[in-house]
Amino acid sequence: MRVNDDAVFDSVYVEYGPVLRVLAVRYGLPYEEVEDVIQETFLSYFTHYPVDWESGRMKGMLVRILKNKCID
């Protein structure tokens, strides 16, 4: 990642991280695994999808990725 990419990642992480943590626990993920799965979720998003998607679309994809990781 470049410096600008780091700033984008940080802002997305701060905005959506708390919501994803709550959802991960609701999906039945053990507390000790939540942070690892959240990190994997963001990594998966940033390696496969554009960072300039609108907010709602990005959130929806992050939630979908998280849900699939919790099921696995």
PDB file of N, CA and C in Angstrom:
ATOM      1  N   MET A   1       0.829  -1.190   0.000  1.00  0.00           N
ATOM      2  CA  MET A   1       0.000   0.000   0.000  1.00  0.00           C
ATOM      3  C   MET A   1       0.866   1.243   0.000  1.00  0.00           C
ATOM      4  N   ARG A   2       0.396   2.245  -0.681  1.00  0.00           N
ATOM      5  CA  ARG A   2       1.063   3.542  -0.665  1.00  0.00           C
ATOM      6  C   ARG A   2       0.546   4.349   0.523  1.00  0.00           C
ATOM      7  N   VAL A   3       1.176   5.499   0.760  1.00  0.00           N
ATOM      8  CA  VAL A   3       0.780   6.353   1.888  1.00  0.00           C
ATOM      9  C   VAL A   3      -0.694   6.723   1.786  1.00  0.00           C
ATOM     10  N   ASN A   4      -1.147   7.133   0.624  1.00  0.00           N
ATOM     11  CA  ASN A   4      -2.545   7.495   0.434  1.00  0.00           C
ATOM     12  C   ASN A   4      -3.454   6.297   0.686  1.00  0.00           C
ATOM     13  N   ASP A   5      -3.023   5.112   0.244  1.00  0.00           N
ATOM     14  CA  ASP A   5      -3.797   3.901   0.469  1.00  0.00           C
ATOM     15  C   ASP A   5      -3.919   3.607   1.958  1.00  0.00           C
ATOM     16  N   ASP A   6      -2.853   3.861   2.710  1.00  0.00           N
ATOM     17  CA  ASP A   6      -2.892   3.657   4.151  1.00  0.00           C
ATOM     18  C   ASP A   6      -3.927   4.565   4.809  1.00  0.00           C
ATOM     19  N   ALA A   7      -4.000   5.796   4.346  1.00  0.00           N
ATOM     20  CA  ALA A   7      -4.975   6.743   4.892  1.00  0.00           C
ATOM     21  C   ALA A   7      -6.398   6.283   4.586  1.00  0.00           C
ATOM     22  N   VAL A   8      -6.627   5.796   3.377  1.00  0.00           N
ATOM     23  CA  VAL A   8      -7.949   5.285   3.002  1.00  0.00           C
ATOM     24  C   VAL A   8      -8.294   4.072   3.855  1.00  0.00           C
ATOM     25  N   PHE A   9      -7.346   3.144   3.992  1.00  0.00           N
ATOM     26  CA  PHE A   9      -7.587   1.956   4.815  1.00  0.00           C
ATOM     27  C   PHE A   9      -7.931   2.355   6.245  1.00  0.00           C
ATOM     28  N   ASP A  10      -7.153   3.270   6.808  1.00  0.00           N
ATOM     29  CA  ASP A  10      -7.397   3.701   8.188  1.00  0.00           C
ATOM     30  C   ASP A  10      -8.786   4.309   8.345  1.00  0.00           C
ATOM     31  N   SER A  11      -9.188   5.144   7.404  1.00  0.00           N
ATOM     32  CA  SER A  11     -10.497   5.781   7.523  1.00  0.00           C
ATOM     33  C   SER A  11     -11.634   4.765   7.393  1.00  0.00           C
ATOM     34  N   VAL A  12     -11.481   3.814   6.486  1.00  0.00           N
ATOM     35  CA  VAL A  12     -12.505   2.772   6.326  1.00  0.00           C
ATOM     36  C   VAL A  12     -12.539   1.879   7.563  1.00  0.00           C
ATOM     37  N   TYR A  13     -11.375   1.551   8.092  1.00  0.00           N
ATOM     38  CA  TYR A  13     -11.295   0.701   9.286  1.00  0.00           C
ATOM     39  C   TYR A  13     -11.963   1.377  10.475  1.00  0.00           C
ATOM     40  N   VAL A  14     -11.709   2.666  10.655  1.00  0.00           N
ATOM     41  CA  VAL A  14     -12.310   3.406  11.770  1.00  0.00           C
ATOM     42  C   VAL A  14     -13.826   3.497  11.598  1.00  0.00           C
ATOM     43  N   GLU A  15     -14.277   3.692  10.364  1.00  0.00           N
ATOM     44  CA  GLU A  15     -15.710   3.853  10.119  1.00  0.00           C
ATOM     45  C   GLU A  15     -16.483   2.546  10.262  1.00  0.00           C
ATOM     46  N   TYR A  16     -15.960   1.456   9.712  1.00  0.00           N
ATOM     47  CA  TYR A  16     -16.728   0.208   9.659  1.00  0.00           C
ATOM     48  C   TYR A  16     -16.281  -0.856  10.654  1.00  0.00           C
ATOM     49  N   GLY A  17     -15.118  -0.707  11.250  1.00  0.00           N
ATOM     50  CA  GLY A  17     -14.618  -1.698  12.202  1.00  0.00           C
ATOM     51  C   GLY A  17     -15.578  -1.983  13.348  1.00  0.00           C
ATOM     52  N   PRO A  18     -16.092  -0.953  14.025  1.00  0.00           N
ATOM     53  CA  PRO A  18     -17.006  -1.216  15.143  1.00  0.00           C
ATOM     54  C   PRO A  18     -18.276  -1.973  14.738  1.00  0.00           C
ATOM     55  N   VAL A  19     -18.838  -1.612  13.605  1.00  0.00           N
ATOM     56  CA  VAL A  19     -20.050  -2.301  13.121  1.00  0.00           C
ATOM     57  C   VAL A  19     -19.732  -3.764  12.830  1.00  0.00           C
ATOM     58  N   LEU A  20     -18.598  -4.018  12.186  1.00  0.00           N
ATOM     59  CA  LEU A  20     -18.229  -5.388  11.848  1.00  0.00           C
ATOM     60  C   LEU A  20     -17.954  -6.212  13.101  1.00  0.00           C
ATOM     61  N   ARG A  21     -17.386  -5.603  14.139  1.00  0.00           N
ATOM     62  CA  ARG A  21     -17.144  -6.329  15.393  1.00  0.00           C
ATOM     63  C   ARG A  21     -18.467  -6.795  16.012  1.00  0.00           C
ATOM     64  N   VAL A  22     -19.437  -5.904  16.048  1.00  0.00           N
ATOM     65  CA  VAL A  22     -20.748  -6.255  16.598  1.00  0.00           C
ATOM     66  C   VAL A  22     -21.376  -7.388  15.788  1.00  0.00           C
ATOM     67  N   LEU A  23     -21.318  -7.271  14.475  1.00  0.00           N
ATOM     68  CA  LEU A  23     -21.904  -8.308  13.619  1.00  0.00           C
ATOM     69  C   LEU A  23     -21.189  -9.644  13.779  1.00  0.00           C
ATOM     70  N   ALA A  24     -19.870  -9.611  13.904  1.00  0.00           N
ATOM     71  CA  ALA A  24     -19.107 -10.851  14.062  1.00  0.00           C
ATOM     72  C   ALA A  24     -19.556 -11.600  15.311  1.00  0.00           C
ATOM     73  N   VAL A  25     -19.771 -10.880  16.394  1.00  0.00           N
ATOM     74  CA  VAL A  25     -20.239 -11.513  17.638  1.00  0.00           C
ATOM     75  C   VAL A  25     -21.660 -12.033  17.450  1.00  0.00           C
ATOM     76  N   ARG A  26     -22.500 -11.281  16.776  1.00  0.00           N
ATOM     77  CA  ARG A  26     -23.879 -11.733  16.520  1.00  0.00           C
ATOM     78  C   ARG A  26     -23.914 -12.972  15.633  1.00  0.00           C
ATOM     79  N   TYR A  27     -22.943 -13.082  14.719  1.00  0.00           N
ATOM     80  CA  TYR A  27     -22.869 -14.260  13.860  1.00  0.00           C
ATOM     81  C   TYR A  27     -22.287 -15.461  14.594  1.00  0.00           C
ATOM     82  N   GLY A  28     -21.936 -15.293  15.868  1.00  0.00           N
ATOM     83  CA  GLY A  28     -21.488 -16.421  16.677  1.00  0.00           C
ATOM     84  C   GLY A  28     -19.990 -16.628  16.728  1.00  0.00           C
ATOM     85  N   LEU A  29     -19.217 -15.671  16.261  1.00  0.00           N
ATOM     86  CA  LEU A  29     -17.766 -15.795  16.277  1.00  0.00           C
ATOM     87  C   LEU A  29     -17.267 -15.611  17.709  1.00  0.00           C
ATOM     88  N   PRO A  30     -16.389 -16.494  18.187  1.00  0.00           N
ATOM     89  CA  PRO A  30     -15.836 -16.326  19.538  1.00  0.00           C
ATOM     90  C   PRO A  30     -15.061 -15.011  19.650  1.00  0.00           C
ATOM     91  N   TYR A  31     -15.138 -14.370  20.803  1.00  0.00           N
ATOM     92  CA  TYR A  31     -14.496 -13.066  21.013  1.00  0.00           C
ATOM     93  C   TYR A  31     -13.015 -13.072  20.655  1.00  0.00           C
ATOM     94  N   GLU A  32     -12.315 -14.155  20.974  1.00  0.00           N
ATOM     95  CA  GLU A  32     -10.875 -14.201  20.727  1.00  0.00           C
ATOM     96  C   GLU A  32     -10.527 -14.269  19.236  1.00  0.00           C
ATOM     97  N   GLU A  33     -11.492 -14.535  18.381  1.00  0.00           N
ATOM     98  CA  GLU A  33     -11.253 -14.612  16.945  1.00  0.00           C
ATOM     99  C   GLU A  33     -11.730 -13.370  16.178  1.00  0.00           C
ATOM    100  N   VAL A  34     -12.444 -12.495  16.848  1.00  0.00           N
ATOM    101  CA  VAL A  34     -13.078 -11.362  16.178  1.00  0.00           C
ATOM    102  C   VAL A  34     -12.061 -10.481  15.456  1.00  0.00           C
ATOM    103  N   GLU A  35     -11.010 -10.056  16.130  1.00  0.00           N
ATOM    104  CA  GLU A  35     -10.041  -9.147  15.508  1.00  0.00           C
ATOM    105  C   GLU A  35      -9.367  -9.765  14.284  1.00  0.00           C
ATOM    106  N   ASP A  36      -9.019 -11.045  14.370  1.00  0.00           N
ATOM    107  CA  ASP A  36      -8.384 -11.715  13.235  1.00  0.00           C
ATOM    108  C   ASP A  36      -9.313 -11.751  12.032  1.00  0.00           C
ATOM    109  N   VAL A  37     -10.566 -12.069  12.257  1.00  0.00           N
ATOM    110  CA  VAL A  37     -11.528 -12.159  11.157  1.00  0.00           C
ATOM    111  C   VAL A  37     -11.829 -10.772  10.585  1.00  0.00           C
ATOM    112  N   ILE A  38     -11.861  -9.760  11.426  1.00  0.00           N
ATOM    113  CA  ILE A  38     -12.063  -8.389  10.942  1.00  0.00           C
ATOM    114  C   ILE A  38     -10.900  -7.988  10.036  1.00  0.00           C
ATOM    115  N   GLN A  39      -9.686  -8.279  10.473  1.00  0.00           N
ATOM    116  CA  GLN A  39      -8.511  -7.972   9.645  1.00  0.00           C
ATOM    117  C   GLN A  39      -8.573  -8.711   8.310  1.00  0.00           C
ATOM    118  N   GLU A  40      -8.939  -9.986   8.348  1.00  0.00           N
ATOM    119  CA  GLU A  40      -9.063 -10.770   7.114  1.00  0.00           C
ATOM    120  C   GLU A  40     -10.140 -10.185   6.200  1.00  0.00           C
ATOM    121  N   THR A  41     -11.215  -9.702   6.796  1.00  0.00           N
ATOM    122  CA  THR A  41     -12.303  -9.106   6.025  1.00  0.00           C
ATOM    123  C   THR A  41     -11.822  -7.869   5.270  1.00  0.00           C
ATOM    124  N   PHE A  42     -11.130  -6.977   5.978  1.00  0.00           N
ATOM    125  CA  PHE A  42     -10.619  -5.775   5.319  1.00  0.00           C
ATOM    126  C   PHE A  42      -9.569  -6.120   4.266  1.00  0.00           C
ATOM    127  N   LEU A  43      -8.707  -7.051   4.570  1.00  0.00           N
ATOM    128  CA  LEU A  43      -7.688  -7.457   3.600  1.00  0.00           C
ATOM    129  C   LEU A  43      -8.342  -8.007   2.339  1.00  0.00           C
ATOM    130  N   SER A  44      -9.339  -8.844   2.517  1.00  0.00           N
ATOM    131  CA  SER A  44     -10.045  -9.409   1.377  1.00  0.00           C
ATOM    132  C   SER A  44     -10.720  -8.316   0.555  1.00  0.00           C
ATOM    133  N   TYR A  45     -11.364  -7.373   1.226  1.00  0.00           N
ATOM    134  CA  TYR A  45     -12.027  -6.288   0.511  1.00  0.00           C
ATOM    135  C   TYR A  45     -11.013  -5.477  -0.297  1.00  0.00           C
ATOM    136  N   PHE A  46      -9.935  -5.069   0.344  1.00  0.00           N
ATOM    137  CA  PHE A  46      -8.978  -4.182  -0.313  1.00  0.00           C
ATOM    138  C   PHE A  46      -8.168  -4.878  -1.401  1.00  0.00           C
ATOM    139  N   THR A  47      -8.130  -6.191  -1.417  1.00  0.00           N
ATOM    140  CA  THR A  47      -7.420  -6.884  -2.490  1.00  0.00           C
ATOM    141  C   THR A  47      -8.331  -7.249  -3.657  1.00  0.00           C
ATOM    142  N   HIS A  48      -9.661  -7.158  -3.474  1.00  0.00           N
ATOM    143  CA  HIS A  48     -10.574  -7.581  -4.535  1.00  0.00           C
ATOM    144  C   HIS A  48     -11.544  -6.510  -5.037  1.00  0.00           C
ATOM    145  N   TYR A  49     -11.720  -5.434  -4.279  1.00  0.00           N
ATOM    146  CA  TYR A  49     -12.750  -4.456  -4.635  1.00  0.00           C
ATOM    147  C   TYR A  49     -12.173  -3.041  -4.638  1.00  0.00           C
ATOM    148  N   PRO A  50     -12.817  -2.123  -5.360  1.00  0.00           N
ATOM    149  CA  PRO A  50     -12.319  -0.741  -5.434  1.00  0.00           C
ATOM    150  C   PRO A  50     -12.510   0.007  -4.117  1.00  0.00           C
ATOM    151  N   VAL A  51     -11.562   0.882  -3.826  1.00  0.00           N
ATOM    152  CA  VAL A  51     -11.645   1.661  -2.590  1.00  0.00           C
ATOM    153  C   VAL A  51     -12.530   2.887  -2.742  1.00  0.00           C
ATOM    154  N   ASP A  52     -12.950   3.181  -3.957  1.00  0.00           N
ATOM    155  CA  ASP A  52     -13.751   4.382  -4.175  1.00  0.00           C
ATOM    156  C   ASP A  52     -15.243   4.089  -4.345  1.00  0.00           C
ATOM    157  N   TRP A  53     -15.686   2.918  -3.934  1.00  0.00           N
ATOM    158  CA  TRP A  53     -17.116   2.623  -3.974  1.00  0.00           C
ATOM    159  C   TRP A  53     -17.847   3.549  -3.018  1.00  0.00           C
ATOM    160  N   GLU A  54     -19.113   3.785  -3.297  1.00  0.00           N
ATOM    161  CA  GLU A  54     -19.920   4.596  -2.386  1.00  0.00           C
ATOM    162  C   GLU A  54     -20.033   3.879  -1.036  1.00  0.00           C
ATOM    163  N   SER A  55     -20.298   4.634  -0.019  1.00  0.00           N
ATOM    164  CA  SER A  55     -20.280   4.139   1.355  1.00  0.00           C
ATOM    165  C   SER A  55     -21.195   2.927   1.574  1.00  0.00           C
ATOM    166  N   GLY A  56     -22.414   3.000   1.108  1.00  0.00           N
ATOM    167  CA  GLY A  56     -23.366   1.907   1.311  1.00  0.00           C
ATOM    168  C   GLY A  56     -22.943   0.624   0.619  1.00  0.00           C
ATOM    169  N   ARG A  57     -22.414   0.758  -0.561  1.00  0.00           N
ATOM    170  CA  ARG A  57     -21.967  -0.417  -1.309  1.00  0.00           C
ATOM    171  C   ARG A  57     -20.756  -1.064  -0.638  1.00  0.00           C
ATOM    172  N   MET A  58     -19.830  -0.224  -0.158  1.00  0.00           N
ATOM    173  CA  MET A  58     -18.645  -0.737   0.527  1.00  0.00           C
ATOM    174  C   MET A  58     -19.045  -1.458   1.817  1.00  0.00           C
ATOM    175  N   LYS A  59     -19.934  -0.842   2.578  1.00  0.00           N
ATOM    176  CA  LYS A  59     -20.386  -1.452   3.829  1.00  0.00           C
ATOM    177  C   LYS A  59     -21.067  -2.788   3.558  1.00  0.00           C
ATOM    178  N   GLY A  60     -21.917  -2.829   2.538  1.00  0.00           N
ATOM    179  CA  GLY A  60     -22.597  -4.074   2.198  1.00  0.00           C
ATOM    180  C   GLY A  60     -21.635  -5.188   1.834  1.00  0.00           C
ATOM    181  N   MET A  61     -20.598  -4.857   1.076  1.00  0.00           N
ATOM    182  CA  MET A  61     -19.624  -5.874   0.690  1.00  0.00           C
ATOM    183  C   MET A  61     -18.803  -6.317   1.899  1.00  0.00           C
ATOM    184  N   LEU A  62     -18.419  -5.379   2.756  1.00  0.00           N
ATOM    185  CA  LEU A  62     -17.680  -5.753   3.963  1.00  0.00           C
ATOM    186  C   LEU A  62     -18.502  -6.691   4.841  1.00  0.00           C
ATOM    187  N   VAL A  63     -19.785  -6.402   4.983  1.00  0.00           N
ATOM    188  CA  VAL A  63     -20.666  -7.256   5.784  1.00  0.00           C
ATOM    189  C   VAL A  63     -20.793  -8.638   5.145  1.00  0.00           C
ATOM    190  N   ARG A  64     -20.918  -8.679   3.834  1.00  0.00           N
ATOM    191  CA  ARG A  64     -21.026  -9.967   3.145  1.00  0.00           C
ATOM    192  C   ARG A  64     -19.755 -10.791   3.314  1.00  0.00           C
ATOM    193  N   ILE A  65     -18.605 -10.169   3.167  1.00  0.00           N
ATOM    194  CA  ILE A  65     -17.331 -10.871   3.334  1.00  0.00           C
ATOM    195  C   ILE A  65     -17.218 -11.388   4.765  1.00  0.00           C
ATOM    196  N   LEU A  66     -17.559 -10.532   5.730  1.00  0.00           N
ATOM    197  CA  LEU A  66     -17.499 -10.940   7.137  1.00  0.00           C
ATOM    198  C   LEU A  66     -18.408 -12.127   7.406  1.00  0.00           C
ATOM    199  N   LYS A  67     -19.632 -12.050   6.923  1.00  0.00           N
ATOM    200  CA  LYS A  67     -20.590 -13.132   7.147  1.00  0.00           C
ATOM    201  C   LYS A  67     -20.064 -14.447   6.580  1.00  0.00           C
ATOM    202  N   ASN A  68     -19.510 -14.407   5.373  1.00  0.00           N
ATOM    203  CA  ASN A  68     -18.970 -15.621   4.770  1.00  0.00           C
ATOM    204  C   ASN A  68     -17.789 -16.170   5.576  1.00  0.00           C
ATOM    205  N   LYS A  69     -16.958 -15.285   6.114  1.00  0.00           N
ATOM    206  CA  LYS A  69     -15.826 -15.738   6.928  1.00  0.00           C
ATOM    207  C   LYS A  69     -16.302 -16.345   8.243  1.00  0.00           C
ATOM    208  N   CYS A  70     -17.380 -15.808   8.803  1.00  0.00           N
ATOM    209  CA  CYS A  70     -17.925 -16.354  10.050  1.00  0.00           C
ATOM    210  C   CYS A  70     -18.550 -17.722   9.823  1.00  0.00           C
ATOM    211  N   ILE A  71     -19.119 -17.926   8.658  1.00  0.00           N
ATOM    212  CA  ILE A  71     -19.721 -19.221   8.331  1.00  0.00           C
ATOM    213  C   ILE A  71     -18.652 -20.293   8.163  1.00  0.00           C
ATOM    214  N   ASP A  72     -17.518 -19.890   7.544  1.00  0.00           N
ATOM    215  CA  ASP A  72     -16.411 -20.829   7.349  1.00  0.00           C
ATOM    216  C   ASP A  72     -15.862 -21.179   8.677  1.00  0.00           C
TER     217      ASP A  72
END
